Protein backbone atom coordinates (compact mmCIF):
# COMPACT_ATOMS: atom_id res chain seq x y z
CA MET A 1 284.22 13.62 222.70
CA ALA A 2 285.21 17.23 221.99
CA ALA A 3 286.92 18.46 218.87
CA PRO A 4 290.66 19.07 219.26
CA ASP A 5 291.73 22.62 220.10
CA SER A 6 292.88 24.20 216.85
CA SER A 7 295.38 26.36 218.70
CA SER A 8 297.28 23.31 219.97
CA ALA A 9 297.26 21.43 216.66
CA PRO A 10 300.61 21.27 214.82
CA LYS A 11 300.87 23.77 211.99
CA GLU A 12 302.06 22.75 208.55
CA PRO A 13 304.97 24.76 207.16
CA PHE A 14 304.03 27.41 204.60
CA GLN A 15 304.72 26.44 200.97
CA ASP A 16 304.83 28.98 198.17
CA PRO A 17 302.41 27.83 195.39
CA ASN A 18 304.94 28.96 192.82
CA ASP A 19 307.40 26.37 194.13
CA VAL A 20 305.01 23.42 193.65
CA GLU A 21 306.14 21.06 190.90
CA ILE A 22 303.39 19.78 188.63
CA VAL A 23 304.07 16.30 187.26
CA PRO A 24 301.98 14.27 184.77
CA ASP A 25 299.91 11.34 185.96
CA ASP A 26 301.44 8.15 184.53
CA ALA A 27 298.12 6.29 184.81
CA PRO A 28 295.31 8.83 184.46
CA TYR A 29 292.74 6.13 183.65
CA SER A 30 293.70 3.66 186.35
CA GLY A 31 290.25 3.89 187.91
CA GLU A 32 291.65 4.35 191.41
CA ASP A 33 290.64 8.02 191.55
CA PRO A 34 286.89 8.38 192.27
CA ALA A 35 286.86 11.50 190.13
CA PHE A 36 287.02 9.26 187.08
CA LEU A 37 283.94 7.26 188.07
CA THR A 38 280.54 7.96 186.55
CA GLU A 39 277.31 5.93 186.53
CA THR A 40 278.14 2.47 187.91
CA ASP A 41 275.99 0.28 185.72
CA ALA A 42 278.60 -2.22 184.61
CA ALA A 43 280.27 -4.75 186.85
CA SER A 44 283.38 -2.60 186.69
CA SER A 45 282.61 1.09 186.93
CA THR A 46 282.80 3.17 183.79
CA GLN A 47 285.83 5.41 183.52
CA SER A 48 286.81 8.54 181.63
CA LEU A 49 287.56 8.24 177.94
CA SER A 50 290.84 6.68 176.90
CA SER A 51 292.85 8.23 174.09
CA SER A 52 292.11 5.29 171.77
CA VAL A 53 288.39 6.13 171.76
CA LEU A 54 289.23 9.65 170.61
CA SER A 55 291.54 8.43 167.85
CA TYR A 56 289.12 9.16 165.04
CA GLN A 57 289.61 7.87 161.51
CA TYR A 58 289.66 10.24 158.53
CA GLU A 59 288.77 9.37 154.95
CA ASN A 60 287.78 11.50 151.95
CA GLY A 61 287.67 14.62 154.08
CA ARG A 62 285.25 13.14 156.64
CA ARG A 63 285.80 11.99 160.23
CA TYR A 64 284.71 8.56 161.50
CA HIS A 65 284.59 6.79 164.86
CA GLY A 66 287.70 5.06 166.23
CA PHE A 67 286.10 2.66 168.73
CA ARG A 68 285.11 -0.56 166.93
CA GLU A 69 286.38 1.00 163.72
CA GLY A 70 284.31 0.17 160.66
CA GLU A 71 281.16 -0.97 162.48
CA TYR A 72 279.22 2.15 161.50
CA ILE A 73 279.18 3.55 157.98
CA ALA A 74 278.45 7.24 158.56
CA PRO A 75 280.86 9.99 159.70
CA ASN A 76 280.66 11.63 163.12
CA ASP A 77 281.93 15.11 162.21
CA ASP A 78 280.07 18.42 162.55
CA ARG A 79 278.26 18.04 159.22
CA GLU A 80 276.91 14.65 160.23
CA GLN A 81 275.94 15.86 163.70
CA GLU A 82 273.91 18.67 162.15
CA ARG A 83 272.12 16.10 159.98
CA MET A 84 271.35 13.89 162.99
CA ASP A 85 269.98 16.80 164.98
CA LEU A 86 267.82 17.81 162.01
CA HIS A 87 266.44 14.27 161.82
CA HIS A 88 265.62 14.45 165.52
CA HIS A 89 263.33 17.39 164.81
CA ILE A 90 261.83 15.65 161.76
CA TYR A 91 260.99 12.60 163.88
CA ARG A 92 259.31 14.78 166.50
CA ILE A 93 257.29 16.67 163.89
CA ALA A 94 256.20 13.37 162.30
CA VAL A 95 254.76 12.06 165.60
CA GLY A 96 253.20 15.32 166.73
CA GLY A 97 256.08 16.54 168.87
CA ASP A 98 256.42 13.44 171.02
CA LEU A 99 259.80 12.13 172.15
CA PHE A 100 258.44 8.58 172.15
CA ARG A 101 255.20 6.75 171.47
CA ALA A 102 255.24 3.99 174.09
CA PRO A 103 252.73 4.49 176.96
CA VAL A 104 255.41 4.61 179.64
CA ASP A 105 255.80 6.94 182.62
CA LEU A 106 259.41 8.15 182.77
CA ASN A 107 259.18 10.28 185.90
CA LYS A 108 261.26 7.83 187.97
CA ALA A 109 262.36 5.51 185.20
CA ARG A 110 265.71 4.17 184.08
CA VAL A 111 266.02 4.90 180.36
CA LEU A 112 268.51 3.56 177.82
CA ASP A 113 269.04 5.18 174.42
CA LEU A 114 270.83 2.92 171.93
CA GLY A 115 273.02 4.58 169.30
CA THR A 116 272.42 7.96 170.92
CA GLY A 117 274.45 9.91 168.34
CA THR A 118 274.69 13.54 169.43
CA GLY A 119 272.63 12.65 172.49
CA ILE A 120 269.90 15.12 171.59
CA TRP A 121 267.06 12.68 172.32
CA ALA A 122 268.57 11.62 175.65
CA VAL A 123 269.11 15.24 176.71
CA ASP A 124 265.56 16.21 175.77
CA VAL A 125 264.14 13.27 177.75
CA ALA A 126 266.33 14.07 180.76
CA ASP A 127 265.18 17.70 180.64
CA GLU A 128 261.52 16.79 180.37
CA TYR A 129 261.71 14.07 183.05
CA PRO A 130 264.14 15.26 185.74
CA GLY A 131 263.25 12.29 187.93
CA ALA A 132 264.43 9.80 185.32
CA THR A 133 267.95 8.45 184.84
CA VAL A 134 268.84 8.52 181.15
CA ILE A 135 271.84 6.69 179.70
CA GLY A 136 272.88 7.03 176.06
CA THR A 137 275.40 4.73 174.41
CA ASP A 138 277.23 5.19 171.13
CA LEU A 139 280.44 4.28 169.31
CA SER A 140 281.39 7.97 169.14
CA PRO A 141 281.90 10.28 172.17
CA ILE A 142 280.39 13.27 170.35
CA GLN A 143 277.76 14.15 172.94
CA PRO A 144 277.84 17.56 174.69
CA GLY A 145 279.69 18.04 177.94
CA TRP A 146 276.99 20.18 179.54
CA VAL A 147 273.97 17.95 180.08
CA PRO A 148 271.23 17.58 182.69
CA PRO A 149 272.49 15.97 185.93
CA ASN A 150 270.31 12.91 185.28
CA CYS A 151 271.79 12.26 181.83
CA PHE A 152 274.86 10.07 181.25
CA PHE A 153 276.73 8.95 178.13
CA GLU A 154 278.88 5.90 177.60
CA VAL A 155 280.98 4.72 174.66
CA ASP A 156 279.68 1.26 173.90
CA ASP A 157 278.56 -1.03 171.08
CA PHE A 158 274.96 -2.17 171.51
CA GLU A 159 275.77 -5.25 169.42
CA SER A 160 278.20 -6.47 172.08
CA ASP A 161 277.06 -8.22 175.24
CA TRP A 162 275.27 -5.76 177.49
CA GLY A 163 276.83 -5.41 180.94
CA PHE A 164 274.29 -3.31 182.79
CA SER A 165 273.84 -4.44 186.38
CA ARG A 166 270.34 -3.01 186.71
CA PRO A 167 267.41 -3.33 184.27
CA PHE A 168 265.63 -0.44 182.59
CA ASN A 169 262.04 0.71 182.41
CA PHE A 170 262.36 1.98 178.85
CA ILE A 171 264.84 1.12 176.09
CA HIS A 172 264.80 3.32 173.00
CA GLY A 173 266.55 3.06 169.65
CA ARG A 174 266.14 5.34 166.66
CA THR A 175 267.61 5.31 163.13
CA LEU A 176 269.50 2.07 163.71
CA ALA A 177 268.97 0.84 160.14
CA GLY A 178 272.30 -0.10 158.63
CA SER A 179 273.83 -0.47 162.10
CA VAL A 180 272.36 -3.79 163.23
CA ARG A 181 274.05 -7.04 162.27
CA ASP A 182 271.77 -9.30 164.32
CA GLY A 183 268.25 -7.97 164.79
CA PRO A 184 266.88 -10.90 166.81
CA ARG A 185 269.81 -10.71 169.24
CA LEU A 186 269.33 -6.96 169.69
CA CYS A 187 265.68 -7.44 170.62
CA GLN A 188 266.51 -10.36 172.90
CA GLN A 189 269.10 -8.30 174.77
CA ALA A 190 266.58 -5.51 175.17
CA TYR A 191 264.03 -7.98 176.54
CA SER A 192 266.57 -9.35 179.02
CA ASN A 193 267.49 -5.87 180.27
CA LEU A 194 263.97 -4.58 180.93
CA GLN A 195 262.03 -4.52 184.16
CA PRO A 196 258.76 -6.49 184.08
CA GLY A 197 256.24 -4.18 182.45
CA GLY A 198 259.00 -2.16 180.76
CA TRP A 199 258.82 -0.92 177.18
CA PHE A 200 261.11 -1.23 174.16
CA GLU A 201 260.71 1.18 171.24
CA LEU A 202 262.43 1.30 167.85
CA ALA A 203 261.85 4.16 165.42
CA ASP A 204 263.37 3.89 161.97
CA PHE A 205 263.05 4.56 158.27
CA LEU A 206 262.63 2.14 155.37
CA GLY A 207 265.94 2.70 153.68
CA ASP A 208 265.85 0.03 151.02
CA GLU A 209 263.26 1.53 148.64
CA PHE A 210 261.26 4.64 147.79
CA PHE A 211 257.52 5.06 147.38
CA SER A 212 255.17 7.45 145.66
CA ASP A 213 251.41 7.94 145.97
CA ASP A 214 250.86 9.01 142.37
CA GLY A 215 253.12 6.59 140.51
CA THR A 216 255.70 9.25 139.63
CA LEU A 217 258.49 7.11 141.03
CA GLN A 218 258.63 5.43 137.62
CA ASN A 219 259.94 8.75 136.30
CA ALA A 220 262.98 8.50 138.55
CA PRO A 221 264.75 5.30 137.44
CA SER A 222 268.14 6.56 138.62
CA LEU A 223 266.80 7.02 142.15
CA VAL A 224 265.33 3.52 142.11
CA GLU A 225 268.64 2.10 140.89
CA TRP A 226 270.53 4.02 143.58
CA ALA A 227 268.25 2.50 146.24
CA ARG A 228 268.85 -0.99 144.83
CA LEU A 229 272.63 -0.55 144.84
CA ASN A 230 272.52 0.99 148.31
CA THR A 231 270.56 -1.98 149.61
CA GLU A 232 273.03 -4.38 148.00
CA ALA A 233 275.97 -2.54 149.55
CA PHE A 234 274.48 -2.74 153.03
CA HIS A 235 273.72 -6.43 152.50
CA ARG A 236 277.37 -7.07 151.69
CA PHE A 237 278.33 -5.00 154.74
CA GLY A 238 276.21 -7.38 156.82
CA LYS A 239 273.84 -4.76 158.23
CA GLU A 240 270.56 -4.39 156.36
CA ILE A 241 269.34 -0.87 155.60
CA GLY A 242 265.76 -2.14 155.33
CA ILE A 243 265.66 -3.85 158.73
CA ALA A 244 262.71 -1.72 159.91
CA LYS A 245 260.34 -4.10 158.09
CA ASP A 246 261.60 -6.93 160.33
CA TYR A 247 261.48 -5.16 163.70
CA LYS A 248 257.97 -6.29 164.61
CA LYS A 249 258.74 -9.96 164.02
CA HIS A 250 262.04 -9.76 165.92
CA ILE A 251 260.32 -8.06 168.86
CA ILE A 252 257.53 -10.64 169.01
CA ASP A 253 259.99 -13.52 168.71
CA ALA A 254 261.99 -12.08 171.63
CA GLY A 255 258.94 -12.55 173.85
CA PHE A 256 257.43 -9.08 173.98
CA LYS A 257 253.66 -8.67 174.42
CA ASN A 258 251.32 -5.87 173.40
CA VAL A 259 253.41 -5.10 170.31
CA ARG A 260 252.21 -2.16 168.22
CA GLU A 261 253.44 -0.78 164.93
CA GLU A 262 252.79 2.74 163.67
CA VAL A 263 253.78 3.91 160.17
CA TYR A 264 254.17 7.61 159.42
CA LYS A 265 254.48 8.96 155.91
CA VAL A 266 257.20 11.58 155.54
CA ARG A 267 259.83 12.05 152.83
CA THR A 268 260.58 8.39 153.36
CA PHE A 269 258.57 5.95 155.45
CA LEU A 270 259.08 6.27 159.21
CA THR A 271 258.19 3.21 161.26
CA VAL A 272 257.75 3.27 165.04
CA ILE A 273 257.36 -0.03 166.87
CA PHE A 274 257.05 -0.40 170.63
CA ALA A 275 256.23 -3.27 172.94
């Protein structure tokens, strides 16, 4: 069958672009337009951000997340983002520059980063492993717009039921202390969303106490008292700041095998556990 002759095809009347009326879309997030679709992991495809997610909360001069308001204690403004990015570099220095410690090949892997924050870890992994698919989830949509083509971000609460339709090869979570209400459930959901032979890694700090090698901590009673009150506050909040000590047990109880724990001494204790 031949293509129709363009000379015999009916011509559309010319319309001056200046005469075109631009009208607002009454349902910009209806999901009917494929342009709003991103990575289709959930049963219903993810869509562009709704205005409610961007309705941040402000208190004492700081900005906080709007989605699931009150579930995370720290701000999400520029000052906080700078702190999170600094901690990313501290973590890498502590473990010799590595992005993760689990013995997993990410070249063609599906990777999930829980509580991705600014997305700096997810972006670095996506850059270093262009064959991987990296998804970062967080309560705050503060991640950059320009990212590697294999990196995706979703606004989600990792303490809710996970709705991913396909399992992952590697699930990563870092600095989740004070953000986890149910540690055993978190580890169980990770276990249920991993491919056989996949790896789960948590890297965190011990936030409920301080240590010293030379006994000088006894000369800082105010710091010790602050740590005690901080721990009590998080306990009342329902999310323990010292949960890193319990990660290994939670991971084993969830059914993971070959569980390893590595402790790195920095300004505070950094614990990395993978299985």
